[in-house]
Amino acid sequence: MKVLISGFVAVLIFVHMYRYYMKLNSKDVECDDIVNVKLFDIDIPVCLWNIAHVITFVILSHVMDVRSLYDHTKLLLVGIIWYIIERSFSKPDRVYGCTTIDNVYKNTSKPRYDDIFFNLFGQIIYIIAKLPMK
């Protein structure tokens, strides 16, 4: 569990450092965020933030060496709790002075429901990677 908490803290620090870097460089976090630009759309728009969710959960699954359904459920629940906490502390939506039509997140400090899907997708990739090859 310590590894899981450490992993989430590391991700939180990275995200806040990135947002701070954007602000230091006089960039609008929502309008100028190159990580938020839509890459493709498969009924759900996908950007690099979404891919970061997938990669984070693949790495967390590997580091925690999850093997059982219980372990995967625990990791998924921590992701859901993280979502609730992040949603509770997110900034309210605002009117943008830019066009955000190509962005996936209209407010990068506010999580979207599909974040949970991308977290789960990362766990599924980990499970598939662990299947024995024949």
C-alpha atoms as a PDB file:
ATOM      1  CA  MET A   1       0.000   0.000   0.000  1.00  0.00           C
ATOM      2  CA  LYS A   2       2.949   2.337   0.655  1.00  0.00           C
ATOM      3  CA  VAL A   3       4.077   1.877  -2.955  1.00  0.00           C
ATOM      4  CA  LEU A   4       0.591   2.749  -4.190  1.00  0.00           C
ATOM      5  CA  ILE A   5       0.413   5.921  -2.125  1.00  0.00           C
ATOM      6  CA  SER A   6       3.973   6.875  -3.135  1.00  0.00           C
ATOM      7  CA  GLY A   7       3.049   6.361  -6.793  1.00  0.00           C
ATOM      8  CA  PHE A   8       0.009   8.593  -6.553  1.00  0.00           C
ATOM      9  CA  VAL A   9       1.996  11.260  -4.693  1.00  0.00           C
ATOM     10  CA  ALA A  10       4.681  11.163  -7.424  1.00  0.00           C
ATOM     11  CA  VAL A  11       2.023  11.603 -10.125  1.00  0.00           C
ATOM     12  CA  LEU A  12       0.412  14.448  -8.173  1.00  0.00           C
ATOM     13  CA  ILE A  13       3.765  16.221  -7.822  1.00  0.00           C
ATOM     14  CA  PHE A  14       4.496  15.806 -11.539  1.00  0.00           C
ATOM     15  CA  VAL A  15       1.097  17.184 -12.579  1.00  0.00           C
ATOM     16  CA  HIS A  16       1.352  20.187 -10.279  1.00  0.00           C
ATOM     17  CA  MET A  17       4.924  20.896 -11.380  1.00  0.00           C
ATOM     18  CA  TYR A  18       3.765  20.783 -15.025  1.00  0.00           C
ATOM     19  CA  ARG A  19       0.866  23.163 -14.316  1.00  0.00           C
ATOM     20  CA  TYR A  20       3.223  25.461 -12.376  1.00  0.00           C
ATOM     21  CA  TYR A  21       5.671  25.421 -15.311  1.00  0.00           C
ATOM     22  CA  MET A  22       2.827  26.412 -17.641  1.00  0.00           C
ATOM     23  CA  LYS A  23       1.888  29.343 -15.392  1.00  0.00           C
ATOM     24  CA  LEU A  24       5.528  30.483 -15.033  1.00  0.00           C
ATOM     25  CA  ASN A  25       5.816  30.662 -18.809  1.00  0.00           C
ATOM     26  CA  SER A  26       2.715  32.837 -19.099  1.00  0.00           C
ATOM     27  CA  LYS A  27       0.726  30.032 -20.624  1.00  0.00           C
ATOM     28  CA  ASP A  28      -2.947  29.487 -20.076  1.00  0.00           C
ATOM     29  CA  VAL A  29      -3.141  26.012 -18.579  1.00  0.00           C
ATOM     30  CA  GLU A  30      -6.336  25.112 -20.460  1.00  0.00           C
ATOM     31  CA  CYS A  31      -5.703  26.913 -23.753  1.00  0.00           C
ATOM     32  CA  ASP A  32      -1.977  26.228 -24.291  1.00  0.00           C
ATOM     33  CA  ASP A  33      -1.696  22.732 -22.829  1.00  0.00           C
ATOM     34  CA  ILE A  34      -0.169  20.544 -25.565  1.00  0.00           C
ATOM     35  CA  VAL A  35      -0.874  17.451 -23.448  1.00  0.00           C
ATOM     36  CA  ASN A  36      -4.607  18.231 -23.656  1.00  0.00           C
ATOM     37  CA  VAL A  37      -4.868  18.355 -27.464  1.00  0.00           C
ATOM     38  CA  LYS A  38      -7.160  15.687 -28.940  1.00  0.00           C
ATOM     39  CA  LEU A  39      -5.113  12.973 -30.684  1.00  0.00           C
ATOM     40  CA  PHE A  40      -8.023  10.872 -31.933  1.00  0.00           C
ATOM     41  CA  ASP A  41     -11.597   9.990 -31.115  1.00  0.00           C
ATOM     42  CA  ILE A  42     -12.964   6.481 -30.489  1.00  0.00           C
ATOM     43  CA  ASP A  43     -16.379   7.564 -29.176  1.00  0.00           C
ATOM     44  CA  ILE A  44     -14.273   9.038 -26.361  1.00  0.00           C
ATOM     45  CA  PRO A  45     -11.807  11.794 -27.244  1.00  0.00           C
ATOM     46  CA  VAL A  46      -8.218  10.816 -26.372  1.00  0.00           C
ATOM     47  CA  CYS A  47      -5.320  13.109 -25.468  1.00  0.00           C
ATOM     48  CA  LEU A  48      -1.920  12.625 -23.841  1.00  0.00           C
ATOM     49  CA  TRP A  49      -3.481  13.102 -20.382  1.00  0.00           C
ATOM     50  CA  ASN A  50      -5.609  10.004 -21.052  1.00  0.00           C
ATOM     51  CA  ILE A  51      -2.581   8.056 -22.241  1.00  0.00           C
ATOM     52  CA  ALA A  52      -0.788   9.175 -19.069  1.00  0.00           C
ATOM     53  CA  HIS A  53      -3.628   7.594 -17.057  1.00  0.00           C
ATOM     54  CA  VAL A  54      -3.141   4.308 -18.901  1.00  0.00           C
ATOM     55  CA  ILE A  55       0.653   4.341 -18.484  1.00  0.00           C
ATOM     56  CA  THR A  56       0.392   5.301 -14.801  1.00  0.00           C
ATOM     57  CA  PHE A  57      -1.891   2.372 -14.047  1.00  0.00           C
ATOM     58  CA  VAL A  58       0.257  -0.073 -16.017  1.00  0.00           C
ATOM     59  CA  ILE A  59       3.281   1.085 -14.000  1.00  0.00           C
ATOM     60  CA  LEU A  60       1.409   1.035 -10.672  1.00  0.00           C
ATOM     61  CA  SER A  61       0.142  -2.480 -11.442  1.00  0.00           C
ATOM     62  CA  HIS A  62       3.696  -3.589 -12.193  1.00  0.00           C
ATOM     63  CA  VAL A  63       5.284  -1.894  -9.177  1.00  0.00           C
ATOM     64  CA  MET A  64       2.606  -3.261  -6.843  1.00  0.00           C
ATOM     65  CA  ASP A  65       2.912  -6.664  -8.527  1.00  0.00           C
ATOM     66  CA  VAL A  66      -0.873  -7.060  -8.595  1.00  0.00           C
ATOM     67  CA  ARG A  67      -1.819 -10.675  -9.120  1.00  0.00           C
ATOM     68  CA  SER A  68      -5.312 -11.187  -7.801  1.00  0.00           C
ATOM     69  CA  LEU A  69      -8.722  -9.744  -8.465  1.00  0.00           C
ATOM     70  CA  TYR A  70      -8.561  -8.300  -4.944  1.00  0.00           C
ATOM     71  CA  ASP A  71      -5.339  -6.401  -5.793  1.00  0.00           C
ATOM     72  CA  HIS A  72      -6.826  -5.045  -9.024  1.00  0.00           C
ATOM     73  CA  THR A  73     -10.016  -4.020  -7.238  1.00  0.00           C
ATOM     74  CA  LYS A  74      -7.992  -2.233  -4.564  1.00  0.00           C
ATOM     75  CA  LEU A  75      -6.023  -0.319  -7.221  1.00  0.00           C
ATOM     76  CA  LEU A  76      -9.219   0.557  -9.095  1.00  0.00           C
ATOM     77  CA  LEU A  77     -10.872   1.787  -5.886  1.00  0.00           C
ATOM     78  CA  VAL A  78      -7.883   3.973  -5.074  1.00  0.00           C
ATOM     79  CA  GLY A  79      -8.262   5.462  -8.583  1.00  0.00           C
ATOM     80  CA  ILE A  80     -11.951   6.148  -7.923  1.00  0.00           C
ATOM     81  CA  ILE A  81     -11.169   7.723  -4.536  1.00  0.00           C
ATOM     82  CA  TRP A  82      -8.495   9.830  -6.255  1.00  0.00           C
ATOM     83  CA  TYR A  83     -11.133  10.925  -8.798  1.00  0.00           C
ATOM     84  CA  ILE A  84     -13.546  11.966  -6.017  1.00  0.00           C
ATOM     85  CA  ILE A  85     -10.864  13.918  -4.145  1.00  0.00           C
ATOM     86  CA  GLU A  86      -9.629  15.609  -7.329  1.00  0.00           C
ATOM     87  CA  ARG A  87     -13.188  16.515  -8.314  1.00  0.00           C
ATOM     88  CA  SER A  88     -13.848  17.970  -4.857  1.00  0.00           C
ATOM     89  CA  PHE A  89     -10.836  20.289  -5.048  1.00  0.00           C
ATOM     90  CA  SER A  90     -11.021  21.185  -8.736  1.00  0.00           C
ATOM     91  CA  LYS A  91     -11.392  24.756  -9.871  1.00  0.00           C
ATOM     92  CA  PRO A  92     -14.776  25.776 -11.291  1.00  0.00           C
ATOM     93  CA  ASP A  93     -15.210  26.008 -15.043  1.00  0.00           C
ATOM     94  CA  ARG A  94     -14.567  29.395 -16.550  1.00  0.00           C
ATOM     95  CA  VAL A  95     -15.178  31.261 -19.790  1.00  0.00           C
ATOM     96  CA  TYR A  96     -12.117  30.867 -21.995  1.00  0.00           C
ATOM     97  CA  GLY A  97     -10.520  33.591 -24.054  1.00  0.00           C
ATOM     98  CA  CYS A  98      -9.360  30.938 -26.514  1.00  0.00           C
ATOM     99  CA  THR A  99     -10.792  28.150 -28.593  1.00  0.00           C
ATOM    100  CA  THR A 100     -10.722  24.865 -26.699  1.00  0.00           C
ATOM    101  CA  ILE A 101     -12.542  22.857 -29.359  1.00  0.00           C
ATOM    102  CA  ASP A 102      -9.521  20.611 -29.982  1.00  0.00           C
ATOM    103  CA  ASN A 103      -8.959  20.030 -26.265  1.00  0.00           C
ATOM    104  CA  VAL A 104     -10.285  16.971 -24.486  1.00  0.00           C
ATOM    105  CA  TYR A 105     -10.548  18.560 -21.033  1.00  0.00           C
ATOM    106  CA  LYS A 106     -12.285  21.924 -20.844  1.00  0.00           C
ATOM    107  CA  ASN A 107     -10.801  22.291 -17.360  1.00  0.00           C
ATOM    108  CA  THR A 108      -7.652  20.232 -16.702  1.00  0.00           C
ATOM    109  CA  SER A 109      -8.011  20.582 -12.949  1.00  0.00           C
ATOM    110  CA  LYS A 110     -11.402  18.848 -13.103  1.00  0.00           C
ATOM    111  CA  PRO A 111     -11.356  15.091 -13.816  1.00  0.00           C
ATOM    112  CA  ARG A 112     -13.683  13.447 -16.295  1.00  0.00           C
ATOM    113  CA  TYR A 113     -15.596  10.207 -15.794  1.00  0.00           C
ATOM    114  CA  ASP A 114     -13.644   8.545 -18.581  1.00  0.00           C
ATOM    115  CA  ASP A 115     -10.452   8.928 -16.484  1.00  0.00           C
ATOM    116  CA  ILE A 116     -11.658   5.876 -14.554  1.00  0.00           C
ATOM    117  CA  PHE A 117     -12.032   3.992 -17.859  1.00  0.00           C
ATOM    118  CA  PHE A 118      -8.455   4.869 -18.855  1.00  0.00           C
ATOM    119  CA  ASN A 119      -7.200   3.786 -15.415  1.00  0.00           C
ATOM    120  CA  LEU A 120      -8.984   0.448 -15.834  1.00  0.00           C
ATOM    121  CA  PHE A 121      -7.632   0.140 -19.388  1.00  0.00           C
ATOM    122  CA  GLY A 122      -4.100   0.461 -17.963  1.00  0.00           C
ATOM    123  CA  GLN A 123      -4.840  -2.416 -15.596  1.00  0.00           C
ATOM    124  CA  ILE A 124      -6.235  -4.498 -18.472  1.00  0.00           C
ATOM    125  CA  ILE A 125      -3.073  -3.905 -20.518  1.00  0.00           C
ATOM    126  CA  TYR A 126      -1.032  -5.074 -17.510  1.00  0.00           C
ATOM    127  CA  ILE A 127      -3.162  -8.252 -17.214  1.00  0.00           C
ATOM    128  CA  ILE A 128      -2.783  -9.005 -20.935  1.00  0.00           C
ATOM    129  CA  ALA A 129       0.985  -8.416 -20.739  1.00  0.00           C
ATOM    130  CA  LYS A 130       1.193 -10.934 -17.883  1.00  0.00           C
ATOM    131  CA  LEU A 131      -0.641 -13.694 -19.788  1.00  0.00           C
ATOM    132  CA  PRO A 132       1.610 -16.626 -20.671  1.00  0.00           C
ATOM    133  CA  MET A 133       2.778 -16.682 -24.276  1.00  0.00           C
ATOM    134  CA  LYS A 134       2.289 -19.906 -26.255  1.00  0.00           C
END
